[in-house]
Amino acid sequence: MDRRLPCDRETLRSWMVNYIGGVLTLPDGVPTDQTFDTYGFDSVEAVVMAGVMEEEFGTQVDPVQLFEQPSIDAFSAAFSSDGGSVAAATETRA
């Protein structure tokens, strides 16, 4: 399923950085190119974030999408309104 969020890539990226930065204490900031688990954002927090994203953007967000595109850069590229296809984002990561 290719479900996009109704915002551009930079808006989504910024929202995710702000959300994760509010949940975790990361002295060097939130690394957008690293996988979520690298800096301690676990599956429970990802599920909660997906729910908050649904409320914020008014579109269903399947938490599995966060595991398929496991970094802020990958997720925002795949699921923003101006992002590329999900398949292309997955290929870029491989």
Protein backbone atom coordinates (compact mmCIF):
# COMPACT_ATOMS: atom_id res chain seq x y z
CA MET A 1 0.00 0.00 0.00
CA ASP A 2 1.36 3.39 -1.01
CA ARG A 3 -0.26 5.75 1.50
CA ARG A 4 1.17 9.26 1.51
CA LEU A 5 0.82 11.82 4.25
CA PRO A 6 -0.64 15.20 3.26
CA CYS A 7 2.58 17.14 3.78
CA ASP A 8 5.84 17.68 1.93
CA ARG A 9 9.04 15.86 2.76
CA GLU A 10 10.60 18.68 4.78
CA THR A 11 7.46 19.19 6.87
CA LEU A 12 7.26 15.48 7.67
CA ARG A 13 10.98 15.27 8.38
CA SER A 14 10.79 18.27 10.71
CA TRP A 15 7.73 16.89 12.49
CA MET A 16 9.48 13.56 13.09
CA VAL A 17 12.65 15.25 14.38
CA ASN A 18 10.59 17.36 16.79
CA TYR A 19 8.50 14.40 17.95
CA ILE A 20 11.44 12.04 18.52
CA GLY A 21 13.49 14.84 20.11
CA GLY A 22 10.64 15.37 22.55
CA VAL A 23 10.46 11.68 23.44
CA LEU A 24 14.18 10.94 23.69
CA THR A 25 17.04 12.92 25.16
CA LEU A 26 19.67 12.97 22.44
CA PRO A 27 22.52 15.39 23.22
CA ASP A 28 23.67 15.51 19.59
CA GLY A 29 20.18 15.95 18.15
CA VAL A 30 18.09 13.48 16.20
CA PRO A 31 20.08 11.84 13.39
CA THR A 32 17.74 11.69 10.40
CA ASP A 33 19.87 9.30 8.36
CA GLN A 34 20.30 6.62 11.03
CA THR A 35 17.85 3.86 11.82
CA PHE A 36 15.48 4.49 14.70
CA ASP A 37 16.93 1.68 16.80
CA THR A 38 20.42 3.20 16.51
CA TYR A 39 19.44 5.94 18.92
CA GLY A 40 17.03 3.97 21.09
CA PHE A 41 13.65 4.65 19.48
CA ASP A 42 12.03 1.26 19.97
CA SER A 43 9.01 -0.48 18.47
CA VAL A 44 6.63 0.61 21.24
CA GLU A 45 7.57 4.26 20.67
CA ALA A 46 7.21 3.77 16.90
CA VAL A 47 3.65 2.46 17.33
CA VAL A 48 2.78 5.42 19.56
CA MET A 49 4.32 7.83 17.03
CA ALA A 50 2.28 6.27 14.23
CA GLY A 51 -0.87 6.96 16.24
CA VAL A 52 0.15 10.55 16.90
CA MET A 53 0.94 10.98 13.19
CA GLU A 54 -2.55 9.74 12.32
CA GLU A 55 -4.05 12.39 14.59
CA GLU A 56 -1.72 15.11 13.34
CA PHE A 57 -2.05 14.43 9.61
CA GLY A 58 -5.52 12.85 9.44
CA THR A 59 -4.29 9.79 7.54
CA GLN A 60 -3.82 6.23 8.69
CA VAL A 61 -0.18 5.35 9.39
CA ASP A 62 0.61 1.66 9.64
CA PRO A 63 3.43 1.23 12.18
CA VAL A 64 4.92 -1.41 9.87
CA GLN A 65 5.79 1.46 7.51
CA LEU A 66 8.20 2.74 10.15
CA PHE A 67 10.00 -0.61 10.15
CA GLU A 68 10.05 -0.84 6.36
CA GLN A 69 11.53 2.68 6.13
CA PRO A 70 13.44 2.73 9.45
CA SER A 71 14.93 6.22 9.43
CA ILE A 72 13.47 9.70 9.31
CA ASP A 73 15.02 10.36 5.91
CA ALA A 74 13.75 7.08 4.42
CA PHE A 75 10.26 7.40 5.90
CA SER A 76 9.80 11.03 4.87
CA ALA A 77 11.08 10.28 1.37
CA ALA A 78 8.68 7.38 0.96
CA PHE A 79 5.52 8.74 2.57
CA SER A 80 5.51 12.53 2.07
CA SER A 81 3.27 14.02 -0.58
CA ASP A 82 6.30 14.96 -2.69
CA GLY A 83 8.33 11.80 -2.01
CA GLY A 84 9.35 9.15 -4.45
CA SER A 85 7.78 5.75 -4.67
CA VAL A 86 8.04 3.42 -1.71
CA ALA A 87 9.83 0.90 -3.94
CA ALA A 88 12.43 3.51 -4.93
CA ALA A 89 13.05 4.46 -1.30
CA THR A 90 13.50 0.80 -0.39
CA GLU A 91 15.93 0.29 -3.29
CA THR A 92 17.95 3.34 -2.23
CA ARG A 93 18.31 1.91 1.27
CA ALA A 94 19.43 -1.53 0.03
